[in-house]
């Protein structure tokens, strides 16, 4: 049975190094999820590391999505989360900063305890980046070492 591992990073360089080292350790790129507010950074990560391109939810490509992003810029609505990897199906487009469709609720729906999910959402709101991956228990130690070597910001 796979375990879910998560790490928060505030440096783009640490994020790129982490994903590269996870792949070198045997984690498949398609098993790595990354959550951020920074879509362009996730697009660049995808190009450089082979991770899946970011998604911001189905509505993000329509007028409603564009209006939502503008409203988020004026802090009228929560900003939508950009998510790459397997977590995109459940969390892409979830609101960052609370609300009915919040990122914290989406993360909790994936099995992350609610208090941790809320903490992760707050970190993303502060422009940090969340890396999630489901891996076999045998990878736990190696993934933890990679996260720590690359300045993970977990609590």
C-alpha atoms as a PDB file:
ATOM      1  CA  UNK A   1       0.000   0.000   0.000  1.00  0.00           C
ATOM      2  CA  UNK A   2       1.376   3.396  -0.985  1.00  0.00           C
ATOM      3  CA  UNK A   3       1.989   6.202   1.496  1.00  0.00           C
ATOM      4  CA  UNK A   4       1.449   9.891   0.781  1.00  0.00           C
ATOM      5  CA  UNK A   5       4.474  12.123   1.295  1.00  0.00           C
ATOM      6  CA  UNK A   6       4.414  15.915   1.154  1.00  0.00           C
ATOM      7  CA  UNK A   7       6.981  18.691   1.247  1.00  0.00           C
ATOM      8  CA  UNK A   8       6.774  22.478   1.007  1.00  0.00           C
ATOM      9  CA  UNK A   9       9.534  24.425  -0.732  1.00  0.00           C
ATOM     10  CA  UNK A  10      10.082  28.163  -1.044  1.00  0.00           C
ATOM     11  CA  UNK A  11      12.962  28.106  -3.520  1.00  0.00           C
ATOM     12  CA  UNK A  12      12.483  27.312  -7.200  1.00  0.00           C
ATOM     13  CA  UNK A  13      15.983  25.821  -7.301  1.00  0.00           C
ATOM     14  CA  UNK A  14      15.177  23.525  -4.361  1.00  0.00           C
ATOM     15  CA  UNK A  15      11.961  22.474  -6.095  1.00  0.00           C
ATOM     16  CA  UNK A  16      13.750  21.606  -9.360  1.00  0.00           C
ATOM     17  CA  UNK A  17      16.494  19.735  -7.489  1.00  0.00           C
ATOM     18  CA  UNK A  18      13.918  17.826  -5.450  1.00  0.00           C
ATOM     19  CA  UNK A  19      11.964  16.665  -8.505  1.00  0.00           C
ATOM     20  CA  UNK A  20      15.164  15.719 -10.348  1.00  0.00           C
ATOM     21  CA  UNK A  21      16.462  13.736  -7.345  1.00  0.00           C
ATOM     22  CA  UNK A  22      13.099  12.010  -6.826  1.00  0.00           C
ATOM     23  CA  UNK A  23      13.225  10.835 -10.433  1.00  0.00           C
ATOM     24  CA  UNK A  24      16.829   9.646  -9.976  1.00  0.00           C
ATOM     25  CA  UNK A  25      15.669   7.686  -6.895  1.00  0.00           C
ATOM     26  CA  UNK A  26      13.152   5.788  -9.018  1.00  0.00           C
ATOM     27  CA  UNK A  27       9.978   7.867  -8.567  1.00  0.00           C
ATOM     28  CA  UNK A  28       8.172   8.246 -11.886  1.00  0.00           C
ATOM     29  CA  UNK A  29       7.554  11.836 -13.056  1.00  0.00           C
ATOM     30  CA  UNK A  30       3.854  11.066 -13.537  1.00  0.00           C
ATOM     31  CA  UNK A  31       3.585  10.146  -9.825  1.00  0.00           C
ATOM     32  CA  UNK A  32       4.803  13.551  -8.651  1.00  0.00           C
ATOM     33  CA  UNK A  33       2.210  16.259  -7.986  1.00  0.00           C
ATOM     34  CA  UNK A  34       3.120  19.907  -7.510  1.00  0.00           C
ATOM     35  CA  UNK A  35       0.715  22.575  -6.196  1.00  0.00           C
ATOM     36  CA  UNK A  36       1.368  26.305  -6.507  1.00  0.00           C
ATOM     37  CA  UNK A  37      -0.103  29.686  -7.389  1.00  0.00           C
ATOM     38  CA  UNK A  38       2.678  30.162  -9.951  1.00  0.00           C
ATOM     39  CA  UNK A  39       1.458  28.573 -13.194  1.00  0.00           C
ATOM     40  CA  UNK A  40       4.426  29.738 -15.286  1.00  0.00           C
ATOM     41  CA  UNK A  41       6.872  28.205 -12.810  1.00  0.00           C
ATOM     42  CA  UNK A  42       4.985  24.885 -12.967  1.00  0.00           C
ATOM     43  CA  UNK A  43       5.058  25.040 -16.779  1.00  0.00           C
ATOM     44  CA  UNK A  44       8.832  25.538 -16.664  1.00  0.00           C
ATOM     45  CA  UNK A  45       9.186  22.677 -14.142  1.00  0.00           C
ATOM     46  CA  UNK A  46       7.221  20.428 -16.489  1.00  0.00           C
ATOM     47  CA  UNK A  47       9.480  21.283 -19.430  1.00  0.00           C
ATOM     48  CA  UNK A  48      12.694  20.799 -17.449  1.00  0.00           C
ATOM     49  CA  UNK A  49      11.787  17.649 -15.524  1.00  0.00           C
ATOM     50  CA  UNK A  50       9.112  15.840 -17.521  1.00  0.00           C
ATOM     51  CA  UNK A  51       6.436  16.252 -14.868  1.00  0.00           C
ATOM     52  CA  UNK A  52       2.885  16.716 -16.071  1.00  0.00           C
ATOM     53  CA  UNK A  53       1.874  20.229 -17.159  1.00  0.00           C
ATOM     54  CA  UNK A  54      -0.127  22.265 -14.641  1.00  0.00           C
ATOM     55  CA  UNK A  55      -3.899  22.473 -14.641  1.00  0.00           C
ATOM     56  CA  UNK A  56      -6.062  25.119 -13.034  1.00  0.00           C
ATOM     57  CA  UNK A  57      -9.425  23.402 -13.405  1.00  0.00           C
ATOM     58  CA  UNK A  58     -11.855  23.029 -16.267  1.00  0.00           C
ATOM     59  CA  UNK A  59     -13.280  26.524 -15.953  1.00  0.00           C
ATOM     60  CA  UNK A  60      -9.890  28.245 -16.202  1.00  0.00           C
ATOM     61  CA  UNK A  61      -9.901  28.177 -20.008  1.00  0.00           C
ATOM     62  CA  UNK A  62     -13.372  29.697 -20.304  1.00  0.00           C
ATOM     63  CA  UNK A  63     -14.594  33.208 -19.677  1.00  0.00           C
ATOM     64  CA  UNK A  64     -15.699  32.183 -16.172  1.00  0.00           C
ATOM     65  CA  UNK A  65     -12.154  31.055 -15.396  1.00  0.00           C
ATOM     66  CA  UNK A  66     -10.656  34.270 -16.713  1.00  0.00           C
ATOM     67  CA  UNK A  67     -13.109  36.337 -14.675  1.00  0.00           C
ATOM     68  CA  UNK A  68     -12.337  34.240 -11.608  1.00  0.00           C
ATOM     69  CA  UNK A  69      -8.591  34.911 -12.017  1.00  0.00           C
ATOM     70  CA  UNK A  70      -9.220  38.663 -12.385  1.00  0.00           C
ATOM     71  CA  UNK A  71     -11.479  38.631  -9.301  1.00  0.00           C
ATOM     72  CA  UNK A  72      -8.788  36.710  -7.408  1.00  0.00           C
ATOM     73  CA  UNK A  73      -6.291  39.417  -8.346  1.00  0.00           C
ATOM     74  CA  UNK A  74      -8.576  41.967  -6.706  1.00  0.00           C
ATOM     75  CA  UNK A  75      -9.004  39.581  -3.755  1.00  0.00           C
ATOM     76  CA  UNK A  76     -12.738  39.277  -4.390  1.00  0.00           C
ATOM     77  CA  UNK A  77     -12.490  35.497  -4.893  1.00  0.00           C
ATOM     78  CA  UNK A  78      -9.853  32.989  -3.833  1.00  0.00           C
ATOM     79  CA  UNK A  79      -7.123  32.467  -6.409  1.00  0.00           C
ATOM     80  CA  UNK A  80      -7.337  29.057  -8.134  1.00  0.00           C
ATOM     81  CA  UNK A  81      -4.628  26.490  -7.441  1.00  0.00           C
ATOM     82  CA  UNK A  82      -2.407  25.298 -10.273  1.00  0.00           C
ATOM     83  CA  UNK A  83      -1.653  21.597  -9.894  1.00  0.00           C
ATOM     84  CA  UNK A  84       0.422  19.163 -11.909  1.00  0.00           C
ATOM     85  CA  UNK A  85       0.434  15.387 -11.618  1.00  0.00           C
ATOM     86  CA  UNK A  86      -2.126  12.962 -10.239  1.00  0.00           C
ATOM     87  CA  UNK A  87      -3.465  15.449  -7.665  1.00  0.00           C
ATOM     88  CA  UNK A  88      -4.630  17.747 -10.474  1.00  0.00           C
ATOM     89  CA  UNK A  89      -7.831  15.771 -10.962  1.00  0.00           C
ATOM     90  CA  UNK A  90      -8.981  16.549  -7.412  1.00  0.00           C
ATOM     91  CA  UNK A  91      -7.306  19.862  -6.601  1.00  0.00           C
ATOM     92  CA  UNK A  92      -6.803  21.874  -9.823  1.00  0.00           C
ATOM     93  CA  UNK A  93      -8.840  25.052  -9.621  1.00  0.00           C
ATOM     94  CA  UNK A  94      -9.541  24.764  -5.897  1.00  0.00           C
ATOM     95  CA  UNK A  95      -9.525  28.154  -4.219  1.00  0.00           C
ATOM     96  CA  UNK A  96      -6.430  29.271  -2.340  1.00  0.00           C
ATOM     97  CA  UNK A  97      -7.379  31.249   0.717  1.00  0.00           C
ATOM     98  CA  UNK A  98     -10.477  29.493   1.970  1.00  0.00           C
ATOM     99  CA  UNK A  99     -14.005  29.207   0.725  1.00  0.00           C
ATOM    100  CA  UNK A 100     -16.345  26.396  -0.148  1.00  0.00           C
ATOM    101  CA  UNK A 101     -14.053  24.880  -2.802  1.00  0.00           C
ATOM    102  CA  UNK A 102     -10.807  25.478  -0.923  1.00  0.00           C
ATOM    103  CA  UNK A 103      -7.531  23.754  -1.614  1.00  0.00           C
ATOM    104  CA  UNK A 104      -7.432  22.605   2.017  1.00  0.00           C
ATOM    105  CA  UNK A 105     -10.709  20.712   1.488  1.00  0.00           C
ATOM    106  CA  UNK A 106      -9.374  19.135  -1.715  1.00  0.00           C
ATOM    107  CA  UNK A 107      -6.189  18.044   0.079  1.00  0.00           C
ATOM    108  CA  UNK A 108      -8.188  16.666   3.002  1.00  0.00           C
ATOM    109  CA  UNK A 109     -10.223  14.695   0.464  1.00  0.00           C
ATOM    110  CA  UNK A 110      -6.972  13.043  -0.623  1.00  0.00           C
ATOM    111  CA  UNK A 111      -6.338  11.785   2.898  1.00  0.00           C
ATOM    112  CA  UNK A 112      -4.258  14.617   4.348  1.00  0.00           C
ATOM    113  CA  UNK A 113      -5.391  15.501   7.902  1.00  0.00           C
ATOM    114  CA  UNK A 114      -7.420  18.746   7.918  1.00  0.00           C
ATOM    115  CA  UNK A 115      -4.972  20.725  10.072  1.00  0.00           C
ATOM    116  CA  UNK A 116      -2.066  19.788   7.774  1.00  0.00           C
ATOM    117  CA  UNK A 117      -4.149  20.532   4.670  1.00  0.00           C
ATOM    118  CA  UNK A 118      -4.966  24.010   6.036  1.00  0.00           C
ATOM    119  CA  UNK A 119      -1.289  24.603   6.808  1.00  0.00           C
ATOM    120  CA  UNK A 120      -0.291  23.549   3.261  1.00  0.00           C
ATOM    121  CA  UNK A 121      -2.889  25.903   1.791  1.00  0.00           C
ATOM    122  CA  UNK A 122      -1.484  28.789   3.856  1.00  0.00           C
ATOM    123  CA  UNK A 123       2.026  28.026   2.609  1.00  0.00           C
ATOM    124  CA  UNK A 124       0.853  28.056  -1.009  1.00  0.00           C
ATOM    125  CA  UNK A 125      -0.962  31.325  -0.333  1.00  0.00           C
ATOM    126  CA  UNK A 126       2.468  32.696   0.688  1.00  0.00           C
ATOM    127  CA  UNK A 127       3.943  31.630  -2.709  1.00  0.00           C
ATOM    128  CA  UNK A 128       5.563  28.434  -1.509  1.00  0.00           C
ATOM    129  CA  UNK A 129       5.169  25.193  -3.459  1.00  0.00           C
ATOM    130  CA  UNK A 130       3.792  21.840  -2.301  1.00  0.00           C
ATOM    131  CA  UNK A 131       5.177  18.557  -3.652  1.00  0.00           C
ATOM    132  CA  UNK A 132       3.010  15.462  -3.135  1.00  0.00           C
ATOM    133  CA  UNK A 133       3.705  11.882  -4.068  1.00  0.00           C
ATOM    134  CA  UNK A 134       2.288   8.498  -3.273  1.00  0.00           C
ATOM    135  CA  UNK A 135       5.095   5.982  -3.002  1.00  0.00           C
ATOM    136  CA  UNK A 136       5.810   2.541  -1.655  1.00  0.00           C
ATOM    137  CA  UNK A 137       6.849   2.498   2.029  1.00  0.00           C
ATOM    138  CA  UNK A 138      10.336   1.379   0.953  1.00  0.00           C
ATOM    139  CA  UNK A 139      10.855   4.867  -0.554  1.00  0.00           C
ATOM    140  CA  UNK A 140       9.874   6.761   2.636  1.00  0.00           C
ATOM    141  CA  UNK A 141      13.408   7.207   3.974  1.00  0.00           C
ATOM    142  CA  UNK A 142      14.897   8.142   0.592  1.00  0.00           C
ATOM    143  CA  UNK A 143      12.145  10.682  -0.142  1.00  0.00           C
ATOM    144  CA  UNK A 144      12.574  12.212   3.335  1.00  0.00           C
ATOM    145  CA  UNK A 145      16.327  12.530   2.740  1.00  0.00           C
ATOM    146  CA  UNK A 146      15.741  14.227  -0.626  1.00  0.00           C
ATOM    147  CA  UNK A 147      13.190  16.626   0.880  1.00  0.00           C
ATOM    148  CA  UNK A 148      15.497  17.526   3.773  1.00  0.00           C
ATOM    149  CA  UNK A 149      18.550  17.953   1.536  1.00  0.00           C
ATOM    150  CA  UNK A 150      16.585  20.460  -0.525  1.00  0.00           C
ATOM    151  CA  UNK A 151      15.367  22.639   2.357  1.00  0.00           C
ATOM    152  CA  UNK A 152      11.863  21.322   2.877  1.00  0.00           C
ATOM    153  CA  UNK A 153       9.809  23.791   4.961  1.00  0.00           C
ATOM    154  CA  UNK A 154       7.494  21.294   6.686  1.00  0.00           C
ATOM    155  CA  UNK A 155       6.346  21.980  10.183  1.00  0.00           C
END
